Amino acid sequence: MLIRSLSGRLLLLTLVFVMVAEVLIFVPSVARYRESYLMERLERAQIAALALLAAPDDMITPDLAAELLETAEVRNIVLRRDAVRELILAAPAPPPVRETYDLREAGPATLTLDAIDALLRPPGGAIRVIGEPVEGGGVAIEAVIDEAPLQAAMRAYGLRILGLGLVISAITSALIALSLQRFLVRPMRRVIESMRRFAENPEDPAQDIAPASGIAEIADAERALARLQTDLRAALRQRARLAALGEALAKVSHDLRNMLSTAQLLADSLAASADPRVARVGPKLVRSLDRAATLCASTLSFGRVEEPAPVPRTVALPALVEEVGDAVFADRLAGEAPGMVRFEADVPPEMELVADPEHLLRILVNLARNARQAMEGAGRAGAVRVTAEAEGGWVTLVVSDEGPGLPERAKAHLFTPFKGGARAGGAGLGLAIAAELARAQGGAVELVRSTTEGTTFALRLPRRRPAAAS
């Protein structure tokens, strides 16, 4: 479990990173150690050579010669002076030399490669080392050295370096882990615990987190969570109110549907009236009552689940747009004088569209009614126009008015339920329902423009039935 935690993983990564840094330091350090080791042996060899040269007639006993070589830890010593190469001291049976290293011109890269080679090859044998004598004691000094002690010393030094690196890594990782626990893990656990408590009881304001972290990023996360909790609680309260409203509307819808059924029976008798105007208005009144009854039956579909699935069929657009005018401007059916707002339609004859006619009628009636109410509310005279044009595989129905335009608060939430109302007393559901009905048929309702000279909405629908609905 520790390795899966943030602290455990950071601890492991710190160990790895410190060890990588140690490796990068290790090889140059070992190379430098090897160079110092060899230079020290050359200096000892030079001292032994000077001791021999200081003896009378350059003669010393074999025991003293062996002691000098052992003290210098070399097998033989060669000194070059005045272009003369002279063997100063030599062991009775020196081993064969397998490599020669000249330290006078060796650069860092050469020293590093030689050190790696010395570490990797098997121990044993001897090497010849050439260097410059100290204080001008000649042109060059050479010494044959057993390589096994050198390799052992290099490996021991390397192990000390690695051990020190492990200790440093452990201490560094522990300090970082403690810091992380204090400054990150503990505040994050507090945020997570607040989220868990909120999920268990989102309606309790006491479960909200109180931002208190002194770390800017954690404080930002706490403030964002606090805002989210507040907004979500408000949304839950609104949904609860909508659910209660839906239950109340269900009861009202039930009683209203019964009243409309009675009105339908009475309206049926109008069709048999001898008055031509009554006989002409009667069928339209019956259809309007039928639609009202249908709407009452599905009043809760928006809040409870969704609108009924569309049932596409071929629709004659001129007749449907004319029915929109009859529904929104019903006063013209009764033969009343035209009011200050009139209805105009410009739809090409014989234009057809495959769509759900009831849904299409509801969309256009919503848009046209909003347009008329906007103009009458502002006391403006003019026309509500519905036009249609086909382009490619799409049909665009445009509803425009000459009203004062939409207020800014309505534009911000135009298609949001209960927020997009443009007039006082409006529920803000008309455009939301229209947009949902259009999406169900593969189309969209868009605001084209809204200025002080009027507002224009466009309904774009595929001319043919969408593939998903076929």
Protein backbone atom coordinates (compact mmCIF):
# COMPACT_ATOMS: atom_id res chain seq x y z
CA MET A 1 0.00 0.00 0.00
CA LEU A 2 2.91 2.36 0.71
CA ILE A 3 4.15 2.16 -2.88
CA ARG A 4 0.68 3.14 -4.14
CA SER A 5 0.54 6.24 -1.96
CA LEU A 6 1.86 9.60 -3.08
CA SER A 7 4.42 9.69 -0.27
CA GLY A 8 5.69 6.19 -1.06
CA ARG A 9 6.08 6.89 -4.76
CA LEU A 10 7.85 10.18 -4.13
CA LEU A 11 10.16 8.42 -1.67
CA LEU A 12 11.03 5.79 -4.26
CA LEU A 13 11.53 8.38 -7.00
CA THR A 14 13.80 10.43 -4.74
CA LEU A 15 15.93 7.35 -4.07
CA VAL A 16 16.16 6.62 -7.77
CA PHE A 17 17.02 10.20 -8.73
CA VAL A 18 19.68 10.55 -6.04
CA MET A 19 21.24 7.24 -7.10
CA VAL A 20 21.25 8.37 -10.73
CA ALA A 21 23.04 11.54 -9.62
CA GLU A 22 25.47 9.40 -7.61
CA VAL A 23 26.24 7.27 -10.66
CA LEU A 24 26.94 10.40 -12.67
CA ILE A 25 29.35 11.50 -9.93
CA PHE A 26 30.72 8.00 -9.20
CA VAL A 27 32.67 7.37 -12.41
CA PRO A 28 34.57 10.72 -12.46
CA SER A 29 35.24 10.30 -8.71
CA VAL A 30 36.73 6.82 -9.19
CA ALA A 31 38.79 8.08 -12.14
CA ARG A 32 40.14 10.91 -10.01
CA TYR A 33 40.87 8.46 -7.17
CA ARG A 34 42.81 6.18 -9.56
CA GLU A 35 44.84 9.11 -10.86
CA SER A 36 45.70 10.21 -7.30
CA TYR A 37 46.63 6.63 -6.39
CA LEU A 38 49.02 6.33 -9.35
CA MET A 39 50.54 9.79 -8.79
CA GLU A 40 51.19 8.91 -5.15
CA ARG A 41 53.03 5.73 -6.22
CA LEU A 42 55.14 7.72 -8.67
CA GLU A 43 56.04 10.21 -5.93
CA ARG A 44 57.07 7.35 -3.64
CA ALA A 45 59.08 5.85 -6.50
CA GLN A 46 60.87 9.19 -6.98
CA ILE A 47 61.72 9.37 -3.28
CA ALA A 48 63.09 5.80 -3.43
CA ALA A 49 65.14 6.76 -6.50
CA LEU A 50 66.53 9.84 -4.74
CA ALA A 51 67.46 7.69 -1.75
CA LEU A 52 69.44 5.38 -4.01
CA LEU A 53 71.12 8.27 -5.82
CA ALA A 54 72.16 9.77 -2.49
CA ALA A 55 74.00 6.59 -1.49
CA PRO A 56 77.78 6.45 -2.01
CA ASP A 57 78.53 5.21 -5.51
CA ASP A 58 74.75 4.66 -5.98
CA MET A 59 75.15 1.35 -4.15
CA ILE A 60 72.74 -0.08 -1.54
CA THR A 61 72.22 -3.53 -0.14
CA PRO A 62 69.65 -5.86 -1.74
CA ASP A 63 67.59 -5.78 1.47
CA LEU A 64 67.43 -2.00 1.42
CA ALA A 65 66.47 -2.01 -2.29
CA ALA A 66 63.66 -4.48 -1.58
CA GLU A 67 62.48 -2.34 1.33
CA LEU A 68 62.41 0.80 -0.84
CA LEU A 69 60.38 -0.97 -3.53
CA GLU A 70 57.98 -2.35 -0.94
CA THR A 71 57.56 1.04 0.69
CA ALA A 72 56.88 2.68 -2.67
CA GLU A 73 54.56 -0.27 -3.60
CA VAL A 74 56.22 -0.63 -7.03
CA ARG A 75 58.16 -3.38 -8.81
CA ASN A 76 60.78 -1.27 -10.56
CA ILE A 77 61.68 2.36 -11.06
CA VAL A 78 63.04 4.00 -14.22
CA LEU A 79 64.20 7.62 -14.21
CA ARG A 80 64.83 9.63 -17.35
CA ARG A 81 67.38 12.40 -16.95
CA ASP A 82 69.11 14.32 -19.69
CA ALA A 83 67.60 12.08 -22.38
CA VAL A 84 69.06 9.03 -20.62
CA ARG A 85 66.68 6.31 -19.44
CA GLU A 86 68.13 4.67 -16.32
CA LEU A 87 66.79 1.72 -14.34
CA ILE A 88 67.08 2.78 -10.71
CA LEU A 89 65.53 -0.11 -8.83
CA ALA A 90 64.02 -3.40 -9.89
CA ALA A 91 62.54 -6.46 -8.21
CA PRO A 92 64.33 -9.75 -8.78
CA ALA A 93 61.49 -11.13 -10.94
CA PRO A 94 59.14 -8.36 -12.03
CA PRO A 95 55.82 -9.53 -13.58
CA PRO A 96 54.97 -8.89 -17.24
CA VAL A 97 53.45 -5.52 -18.03
CA ARG A 98 50.03 -5.71 -19.74
CA GLU A 99 49.26 -1.96 -20.04
CA THR A 100 51.20 1.31 -20.05
CA TYR A 101 49.61 4.58 -18.89
CA ASP A 102 51.18 8.01 -19.46
CA LEU A 103 49.67 10.46 -16.97
CA ARG A 104 51.46 13.48 -18.44
CA GLU A 105 49.04 13.98 -21.32
CA ALA A 106 45.97 12.07 -20.17
CA GLY A 107 42.77 14.15 -20.25
CA PRO A 108 39.56 13.61 -18.24
CA ALA A 109 38.00 11.37 -20.90
CA THR A 110 41.10 9.15 -21.11
CA LEU A 111 41.34 8.89 -17.32
CA THR A 112 37.64 8.01 -17.07
CA LEU A 113 37.84 5.27 -19.73
CA ASP A 114 41.02 3.84 -18.13
CA ALA A 115 39.31 3.75 -14.72
CA ILE A 116 36.26 1.93 -16.11
CA ASP A 117 38.55 -0.56 -17.85
CA ALA A 118 40.46 -1.17 -14.61
CA LEU A 119 37.23 -1.81 -12.69
CA LEU A 120 35.77 -4.24 -15.22
CA ARG A 121 38.74 -6.44 -16.11
CA PRO A 122 39.81 -9.33 -13.85
CA PRO A 123 42.44 -8.53 -11.20
CA GLY A 124 46.10 -9.44 -11.58
CA GLY A 125 49.10 -8.46 -13.67
CA ALA A 126 51.14 -5.30 -13.65
CA ILE A 127 50.94 -1.92 -15.35
CA ARG A 128 53.56 0.66 -16.26
CA VAL A 129 52.85 4.23 -15.21
CA ILE A 130 54.71 7.26 -16.57
CA GLY A 131 54.62 10.69 -15.00
CA GLU A 132 56.56 13.89 -14.44
CA PRO A 133 59.00 13.93 -11.50
CA VAL A 134 58.32 16.37 -8.69
CA GLU A 135 60.44 19.58 -8.51
CA GLY A 136 62.20 18.87 -11.83
CA GLY A 137 63.84 15.67 -10.69
CA GLY A 138 64.24 14.52 -14.28
CA VAL A 139 62.39 14.33 -17.60
CA ALA A 140 60.10 11.49 -16.63
CA ILE A 141 59.71 8.78 -14.10
CA GLU A 142 58.35 5.30 -14.75
CA ALA A 143 57.15 2.67 -12.33
CA VAL A 144 55.75 -0.84 -12.71
CA ILE A 145 52.89 -1.39 -10.29
CA ASP A 146 50.84 -4.44 -9.35
CA GLU A 147 47.28 -3.67 -10.52
CA ALA A 148 45.43 -5.93 -8.06
CA PRO A 149 45.89 -3.57 -5.04
CA LEU A 150 44.85 -0.66 -7.23
CA GLN A 151 41.67 -2.44 -8.33
CA ALA A 152 40.84 -3.43 -4.75
CA ALA A 153 41.34 0.15 -3.57
CA MET A 154 39.16 1.51 -6.40
CA ARG A 155 36.35 -0.95 -5.60
CA ALA A 156 36.53 -0.12 -1.88
CA TYR A 157 36.41 3.59 -2.68
CA GLY A 158 33.45 3.02 -5.03
CA LEU A 159 31.54 1.11 -2.34
CA ARG A 160 32.13 3.95 0.10
CA ILE A 161 30.79 6.43 -2.44
CA LEU A 162 27.72 4.27 -3.09
CA GLY A 163 27.10 3.75 0.61
CA LEU A 164 27.30 7.46 1.26
CA GLY A 165 24.93 8.03 -1.63
CA LEU A 166 22.42 5.59 -0.14
CA VAL A 167 22.58 7.34 3.21
CA ILE A 168 22.08 10.74 1.56
CA SER A 169 19.22 9.34 -0.53
CA ALA A 170 17.49 7.86 2.51
CA ILE A 171 17.78 11.07 4.53
CA THR A 172 16.69 13.25 1.60
CA SER A 173 13.77 10.97 0.75
CA ALA A 174 12.59 10.86 4.35
CA LEU A 175 12.69 14.66 4.64
CA ILE A 176 10.84 15.07 1.35
CA ALA A 177 8.27 12.45 2.36
CA LEU A 178 7.66 14.19 5.69
CA SER A 179 7.34 17.56 3.95
CA LEU A 180 4.98 16.13 1.38
CA GLN A 181 2.89 14.53 4.10
CA ARG A 182 2.68 17.82 5.94
CA PHE A 183 2.13 20.23 3.08
CA LEU A 184 0.31 18.15 0.44
CA VAL A 185 -1.00 14.76 1.53
CA ARG A 186 -2.67 15.96 4.73
CA PRO A 187 -4.48 18.91 3.04
CA MET A 188 -5.53 16.64 0.15
CA ARG A 189 -6.93 14.09 2.59
CA ARG A 190 -8.93 16.92 4.12
CA VAL A 191 -10.34 17.80 0.71
CA ILE A 192 -11.13 14.14 -0.03
CA GLU A 193 -12.81 13.69 3.36
CA SER A 194 -14.95 16.75 2.70
CA MET A 195 -15.97 15.33 -0.68
CA ARG A 196 -16.85 12.00 0.94
CA ARG A 197 -19.00 13.63 3.65
CA PHE A 198 -20.69 15.84 1.08
CA ALA A 199 -21.49 12.81 -1.09
CA GLU A 200 -23.11 11.10 1.89
CA ASN A 201 -25.26 14.10 2.82
CA PRO A 202 -25.19 16.84 0.16
CA GLU A 203 -28.09 18.76 1.70
CA ASP A 204 -26.24 19.50 4.96
CA PRO A 205 -24.35 22.83 4.72
CA ALA A 206 -22.15 21.69 7.61
CA GLN A 207 -20.44 19.26 5.22
CA ASP A 208 -19.04 22.11 3.11
CA ILE A 209 -15.28 22.54 3.24
CA ALA A 210 -13.90 25.72 4.81
CA PRO A 211 -10.80 26.81 2.82
CA ALA A 212 -7.93 27.07 5.29
CA SER A 213 -4.77 25.89 3.54
CA GLY A 214 -1.80 28.22 3.38
CA ILE A 215 -0.60 26.63 0.12
CA ALA A 216 -1.92 28.57 -2.86
CA GLU A 217 -2.70 25.55 -5.05
CA ILE A 218 -4.44 23.62 -2.26
CA ALA A 219 -6.35 26.76 -1.26
CA ASP A 220 -7.53 27.16 -4.87
CA ALA A 221 -8.74 23.54 -4.85
CA GLU A 222 -10.56 24.07 -1.55
CA ARG A 223 -12.26 27.24 -2.80
CA ALA A 224 -13.27 25.50 -6.04
CA LEU A 225 -14.71 22.59 -4.04
CA ALA A 226 -16.57 24.98 -1.74
CA ARG A 227 -18.13 26.74 -4.77
CA LEU A 228 -19.01 23.38 -6.32
CA GLN A 229 -20.69 22.21 -3.12
CA THR A 230 -22.68 25.44 -2.84
CA ASP A 231 -23.78 25.36 -6.49
CA LEU A 232 -24.65 21.68 -6.36
CA ARG A 233 -26.74 22.15 -3.23
CA ALA A 234 -28.60 25.00 -4.92
CA ALA A 235 -29.18 22.79 -7.97
CA LEU A 236 -30.49 19.99 -5.75
CA ARG A 237 -32.86 22.41 -4.02
CA GLN A 238 -34.08 23.67 -7.39
CA ARG A 239 -34.60 20.10 -8.60
CA ALA A 240 -36.55 19.30 -5.45
CA ARG A 241 -38.74 22.35 -6.05
CA LEU A 242 -39.24 21.32 -9.67
CA ALA A 243 -40.23 17.84 -8.55
CA ALA A 244 -42.80 19.32 -6.18
CA LEU A 245 -44.01 21.64 -8.93
CA GLY A 246 -44.30 18.69 -11.29
CA GLU A 247 -46.42 16.81 -8.78
CA ALA A 248 -48.70 19.82 -8.39
CA LEU A 249 -48.94 20.29 -12.15
CA ALA A 250 -49.89 16.65 -12.55
CA LYS A 251 -52.96 17.22 -10.41
CA VAL A 252 -53.84 20.45 -12.19
CA SER A 253 -53.32 18.78 -15.57
CA HIS A 254 -55.67 15.96 -14.63
CA ASP A 255 -58.50 18.32 -13.72
CA LEU A 256 -57.82 20.62 -16.68
CA ARG A 257 -57.94 17.69 -19.10
CA ASN A 258 -61.38 16.79 -17.80
CA MET A 259 -62.54 20.36 -18.35
CA LEU A 260 -61.12 20.36 -21.88
CA SER A 261 -62.92 17.12 -22.65
CA THR A 262 -66.20 18.85 -21.82
CA ALA A 263 -65.20 21.84 -23.94
CA GLN A 264 -64.41 19.49 -26.85
CA LEU A 265 -67.89 18.00 -26.70
CA LEU A 266 -69.43 21.47 -26.78
CA ALA A 267 -67.14 22.59 -29.60
CA ASP A 268 -68.15 19.60 -31.73
CA SER A 269 -71.66 21.02 -31.93
CA LEU A 270 -70.32 24.20 -33.49
CA ALA A 271 -69.43 22.30 -36.66
CA ALA A 272 -73.13 21.81 -37.34
CA SER A 273 -73.99 25.51 -36.93
CA ALA A 274 -75.73 27.23 -39.83
CA ASP A 275 -73.65 30.35 -39.28
CA PRO A 276 -70.81 30.19 -41.89
CA ARG A 277 -68.37 31.97 -39.61
CA VAL A 278 -69.11 29.60 -36.74
CA ALA A 279 -68.88 26.59 -39.04
CA ARG A 280 -65.47 27.80 -40.25
CA VAL A 281 -64.14 28.49 -36.75
CA GLY A 282 -65.58 25.32 -35.20
CA PRO A 283 -63.10 22.73 -36.65
CA LYS A 284 -60.16 24.93 -35.78
CA LEU A 285 -61.45 25.35 -32.25
CA VAL A 286 -61.81 21.58 -31.96
CA ARG A 287 -58.21 21.05 -33.12
CA SER A 288 -56.98 23.67 -30.68
CA LEU A 289 -58.79 21.95 -27.84
CA ASP A 290 -57.36 18.59 -28.96
CA ARG A 291 -53.86 20.00 -28.82
CA ALA A 292 -54.53 21.56 -25.42
CA ALA A 293 -55.73 18.22 -24.09
CA THR A 294 -52.66 16.48 -25.50
CA LEU A 295 -50.40 19.05 -23.90
CA CYS A 296 -52.13 18.60 -20.57
CA ALA A 297 -51.60 14.86 -20.80
CA SER A 298 -47.86 15.35 -21.32
CA THR A 299 -47.27 18.46 -19.21
CA LEU A 300 -44.79 16.69 -16.95
CA SER A 301 -42.83 15.00 -19.72
CA PHE A 302 -40.26 17.82 -19.76
CA GLY A 303 -39.40 17.63 -16.07
CA ARG A 304 -40.16 13.96 -15.46
CA VAL A 305 -38.35 12.20 -18.31
CA GLU A 306 -38.27 13.80 -21.74
CA GLU A 307 -40.49 14.83 -24.62
CA PRO A 308 -42.21 12.00 -26.53
CA ALA A 309 -40.09 10.65 -29.36
CA PRO A 310 -40.86 12.35 -32.69
CA VAL A 311 -42.96 10.50 -35.25
CA PRO A 312 -41.71 11.89 -38.58
CA ARG A 313 -43.95 12.06 -41.60
CA THR A 314 -44.27 14.27 -44.65
CA VAL A 315 -45.50 17.73 -43.69
CA ALA A 316 -46.78 20.38 -46.11
CA LEU A 317 -45.09 23.48 -44.80
CA PRO A 318 -47.47 26.13 -46.23
CA ALA A 319 -50.45 24.56 -44.49
CA LEU A 320 -48.56 24.05 -41.23
CA VAL A 321 -47.31 27.66 -41.18
CA GLU A 322 -50.86 28.82 -41.85
CA GLU A 323 -51.99 26.78 -38.85
CA VAL A 324 -49.33 28.52 -36.77
CA GLY A 325 -50.87 31.85 -37.75
CA ASP A 326 -54.35 30.58 -36.79
CA ALA A 327 -53.06 29.38 -33.40
CA VAL A 328 -51.16 32.56 -32.50
CA PHE A 329 -53.52 35.05 -34.17
CA ALA A 330 -56.83 33.32 -33.40
CA ASP A 331 -58.61 36.70 -33.39
CA ARG A 332 -58.40 36.79 -37.19
CA LEU A 333 -60.48 33.60 -37.38
CA ALA A 334 -63.33 35.31 -35.60
CA GLY A 335 -63.35 38.05 -38.22
CA GLU A 336 -62.12 40.73 -35.84
CA ALA A 337 -60.37 43.79 -37.16
CA PRO A 338 -56.59 43.28 -37.46
CA GLY A 339 -54.71 44.45 -34.40
CA MET A 340 -51.49 46.38 -34.28
CA VAL A 341 -49.53 43.14 -34.83
CA ARG A 342 -50.23 41.03 -37.91
CA PHE A 343 -49.04 37.67 -39.16
CA GLU A 344 -47.20 37.20 -42.47
CA ALA A 345 -45.99 33.98 -44.08
CA ASP A 346 -43.66 33.48 -47.03
CA VAL A 347 -43.30 29.75 -47.68
CA PRO A 348 -42.74 28.38 -51.18
CA PRO A 349 -45.78 26.44 -52.43
CA GLU A 350 -45.50 22.65 -52.34
CA MET A 351 -42.53 22.79 -49.96
CA GLU A 352 -42.50 19.65 -47.86
CA LEU A 353 -40.50 18.43 -44.93
CA VAL A 354 -40.18 15.07 -43.20
CA ALA A 355 -40.70 15.86 -39.50
CA ASP A 356 -43.08 15.35 -36.59
CA PRO A 357 -45.88 17.83 -37.37
CA GLU A 358 -46.97 18.26 -33.73
CA HIS A 359 -43.46 18.98 -32.58
CA LEU A 360 -42.85 21.33 -35.50
CA LEU A 361 -46.10 23.16 -34.78
CA ARG A 362 -45.21 23.54 -31.10
CA ILE A 363 -41.80 24.99 -31.96
CA LEU A 364 -43.15 27.55 -34.42
CA VAL A 365 -46.11 28.47 -32.20
CA ASN A 366 -43.71 29.11 -29.29
CA LEU A 367 -41.51 31.35 -31.43
CA ALA A 368 -44.39 33.20 -33.07
CA ARG A 369 -46.26 33.72 -29.79
CA ASN A 370 -43.12 35.09 -28.14
CA ALA A 371 -42.68 37.47 -31.08
CA ARG A 372 -46.26 38.74 -30.86
CA GLN A 373 -46.13 39.19 -27.09
CA ALA A 374 -42.82 41.10 -27.38
CA MET A 375 -44.29 43.53 -29.91
CA GLU A 376 -47.58 44.04 -28.09
CA GLY A 377 -45.78 44.43 -24.74
CA ALA A 378 -43.67 47.22 -26.25
CA GLY A 379 -46.68 48.81 -27.97
CA ARG A 380 -45.18 48.35 -31.43
CA ALA A 381 -47.08 47.78 -34.62
CA GLY A 382 -45.76 45.54 -37.35
CA ALA A 383 -45.61 41.95 -38.52
CA VAL A 384 -44.53 38.59 -37.20
CA ARG A 385 -43.07 36.86 -40.26
CA VAL A 386 -42.43 33.20 -40.90
CA THR A 387 -40.32 32.39 -43.95
CA ALA A 388 -38.83 29.16 -45.23
CA GLU A 389 -36.06 28.22 -47.61
CA ALA A 390 -34.35 24.98 -48.58
CA GLU A 391 -30.64 24.62 -49.11
CA GLY A 392 -28.96 21.29 -49.71
CA GLY A 393 -30.43 18.74 -47.35
CA TRP A 394 -31.70 21.32 -44.87
CA VAL A 395 -34.80 23.47 -44.47
CA THR A 396 -34.56 26.72 -42.50
CA LEU A 397 -37.69 28.29 -41.03
CA VAL A 398 -37.16 31.87 -39.88
CA VAL A 399 -39.44 33.63 -37.38
CA SER A 400 -38.82 37.36 -37.09
CA ASP A 401 -40.52 40.28 -35.42
CA GLU A 402 -40.21 44.06 -35.15
CA GLY A 403 -40.09 44.18 -31.37
CA PRO A 404 -37.61 45.79 -28.99
CA GLY A 405 -35.22 42.83 -28.88
CA LEU A 406 -34.27 40.50 -26.07
CA PRO A 407 -32.88 41.78 -22.77
CA GLU A 408 -29.29 40.82 -21.98
CA ARG A 409 -30.29 38.62 -19.05
CA ALA A 410 -32.49 36.57 -21.37
CA LYS A 411 -29.71 36.16 -23.96
CA ALA A 412 -27.35 34.71 -21.36
CA HIS A 413 -29.72 31.82 -20.55
CA LEU A 414 -31.89 31.78 -23.64
CA PHE A 415 -32.49 28.01 -23.84
CA THR A 416 -32.12 27.23 -20.11
CA PRO A 417 -35.36 26.17 -18.38
CA PHE A 418 -36.79 28.75 -15.96
CA LYS A 419 -33.98 31.21 -16.73
CA GLY A 420 -34.54 32.33 -20.31
CA GLY A 421 -37.82 34.21 -19.83
CA ALA A 422 -37.82 37.49 -21.74
CA ARG A 423 -41.02 38.99 -20.31
CA ALA A 424 -42.36 39.52 -16.81
CA GLY A 425 -44.42 36.56 -15.63
CA GLY A 426 -42.93 34.20 -18.20
CA ALA A 427 -41.82 30.76 -17.01
CA GLY A 428 -38.82 30.58 -19.30
CA LEU A 429 -39.78 27.17 -20.65
CA GLY A 430 -40.95 27.98 -24.19
CA LEU A 431 -37.55 28.31 -25.86
CA ALA A 432 -36.10 25.44 -23.80
CA ILE A 433 -38.88 23.14 -24.99
CA ALA A 434 -38.54 24.38 -28.58
CA ALA A 435 -34.78 23.69 -28.54
CA GLU A 436 -35.32 20.19 -27.12
CA LEU A 437 -37.97 19.34 -29.72
CA ALA A 438 -35.68 20.56 -32.52
CA ARG A 439 -32.73 18.49 -31.26
CA ALA A 440 -34.94 15.39 -31.11
CA GLN A 441 -35.48 15.75 -34.88
CA GLY A 442 -31.82 16.34 -35.70
CA GLY A 443 -32.13 20.12 -35.97
CA ALA A 444 -31.54 23.22 -33.87
CA VAL A 445 -33.12 26.52 -32.87
CA GLU A 446 -30.72 29.47 -33.06
CA LEU A 447 -30.91 33.17 -32.26
CA VAL A 448 -29.90 34.92 -35.49
CA ARG A 449 -30.09 38.51 -34.25
CA SER A 450 -31.70 40.60 -31.54
CA THR A 451 -31.55 44.39 -31.70
CA THR A 452 -33.83 47.28 -30.91
CA GLU A 453 -35.21 46.80 -34.44
CA GLY A 454 -36.42 43.26 -33.83
CA THR A 455 -35.50 39.67 -33.12
CA THR A 456 -34.98 36.74 -35.51
CA PHE A 457 -34.89 33.03 -34.68
CA ALA A 458 -34.03 30.27 -37.14
CA LEU A 459 -35.17 26.66 -36.98
CA ARG A 460 -32.92 24.36 -39.05
CA LEU A 461 -34.14 20.84 -39.74
CA PRO A 462 -32.93 18.10 -42.06
CA ARG A 463 -35.18 17.91 -45.08
CA ARG A 464 -35.17 14.13 -44.96
CA ARG A 465 -35.61 11.85 -42.04
CA PRO A 466 -32.33 11.52 -40.07
CA ALA A 467 -30.59 8.17 -40.42
CA ALA A 468 -30.81 7.50 -36.65
CA ALA A 469 -34.58 7.75 -36.79
CA SER A 470 -35.07 5.59 -39.86
